[in-house]
Amino acid sequence: QVQLVESGGGLVQAGDSLRLSCAASGRTFSSYSMAWFRQAPGKEREFVTRVGQSGAYTYYADSVKGRFTISRDNAEKTVYLQMNSLKPEDTAVYYCAADTSGYYTRVRAMTPTSYEYWGRGTQVTVSS
């Protein structure tokens, strides 16, 4: 069983930065690929970024590439999302998710149903 708890959301202005954290439980955190998704009101859950088990591999949605950075600390069982140059369209609830399958394809990485465990989310609001 894996429990994920996000933190770090808040209300910021356009151009500001935020760093989200996702703390995980479980003894095998280093064997999971981790991802961040987001969901704005009235919209479907959207893939943001994914990091592989060691942290060496990362993949980003085009909408955040160059602005967001995912990282992980396996000793601390935590994954981070550094968000820079925030835009109003980044406003959403941000969720972290764990993929315990060990399998990867790009389509699979971007699909919410590929992830077995989810946090409850943290709200990010960017004002213009």
Foldseek 3Di string as FASTA:
>chain_A
DKAKAKDWADEEAAQAKTKMKIAMDDDPLLLKKKFKWWDDPPDDIWGAKIAHSVRPDIDGDPVQPPFWDWGDDVVRRMIMIIGGRDDQVVWTWMKMFIQNPSDDDPVLNTDPVNTDYMYPTDTHGYHD
